């Protein structure tokens, strides 16, 4: 995959990011999806920066 692909994935996740008023389960699932994507992308590219990707997705939601 290329940087362009990573940007496209992050953009898609950012656009699907749940709003604050959404159900807590949906918010938690979105955060897990982002984390799982990071794990897959790290296996594709050892130099993959998880923090940068998460920020590009809109950040991990707090689901307390």
Protein backbone atom coordinates (compact mmCIF):
# COMPACT_ATOMS: atom_id res chain seq x y z
CA UNK A 1 0.00 0.00 0.00
CA UNK A 2 1.06 3.56 -0.53
CA UNK A 3 0.75 6.72 1.55
CA UNK A 4 -2.17 7.66 -0.71
CA UNK A 5 -3.97 4.47 0.36
CA UNK A 6 -3.35 5.18 4.05
CA UNK A 7 -4.72 8.70 3.62
CA UNK A 8 -7.82 7.34 1.88
CA UNK A 9 -8.45 4.89 4.72
CA UNK A 10 -7.97 7.56 7.38
CA UNK A 11 -10.31 9.90 5.50
CA UNK A 12 -12.98 7.21 5.29
CA UNK A 13 -12.68 6.49 9.01
CA UNK A 14 -12.77 10.20 9.85
CA UNK A 15 -15.96 10.62 7.81
CA UNK A 16 -17.59 7.70 9.62
CA UNK A 17 -16.50 8.89 13.07
CA UNK A 18 -19.47 8.78 15.45
CA UNK A 19 -20.80 11.98 16.90
CA UNK A 20 -20.88 12.58 20.65
CA UNK A 21 -24.62 11.86 20.85
CA UNK A 22 -24.35 8.44 19.17
CA UNK A 23 -24.83 5.18 21.00
CA UNK A 24 -21.82 4.20 23.14
CA UNK A 25 -21.59 0.79 21.45
CA UNK A 26 -21.22 2.40 18.02
CA UNK A 27 -18.56 4.73 19.37
CA UNK A 28 -16.64 1.85 20.94
CA UNK A 29 -16.87 -0.25 17.77
CA UNK A 30 -15.51 2.63 15.67
CA UNK A 31 -12.54 3.02 18.02
CA UNK A 32 -11.85 -0.73 17.84
CA UNK A 33 -12.08 -0.62 14.05
CA UNK A 34 -9.45 2.14 13.94
CA UNK A 35 -7.16 0.18 16.24
CA UNK A 36 -7.57 -3.00 14.18
CA UNK A 37 -6.83 -1.08 10.99
CA UNK A 38 -3.64 0.20 12.61
CA UNK A 39 -2.56 -3.34 13.42
CA UNK A 40 -3.08 -4.44 9.82
CA UNK A 41 -1.32 -1.39 8.41
CA UNK A 42 1.65 -1.94 10.74
CA UNK A 43 2.11 -5.42 9.28
CA UNK A 44 2.07 -3.88 5.80
CA UNK A 45 4.61 -1.19 6.69
CA UNK A 46 6.93 -1.43 9.72
CA UNK A 47 7.40 2.36 9.59
CA UNK A 48 3.65 2.95 9.89
CA UNK A 49 2.93 5.66 12.48
CA UNK A 50 -0.11 4.67 14.52
CA UNK A 51 -0.42 8.03 16.29
CA UNK A 52 -0.46 9.94 13.01
CA UNK A 53 -3.08 7.61 11.55
CA UNK A 54 -5.32 7.86 14.62
CA UNK A 55 -5.12 11.66 14.52
CA UNK A 56 -6.00 11.60 10.81
CA UNK A 57 -9.06 9.49 11.66
CA UNK A 58 -10.21 12.12 14.14
CA UNK A 59 -8.68 10.62 17.26
CA UNK A 60 -9.79 7.74 19.41
CA UNK A 61 -13.09 8.31 21.13
CA UNK A 62 -13.38 8.08 24.87
CA UNK A 63 -16.08 5.52 25.55
CA UNK A 64 -16.08 5.42 29.35
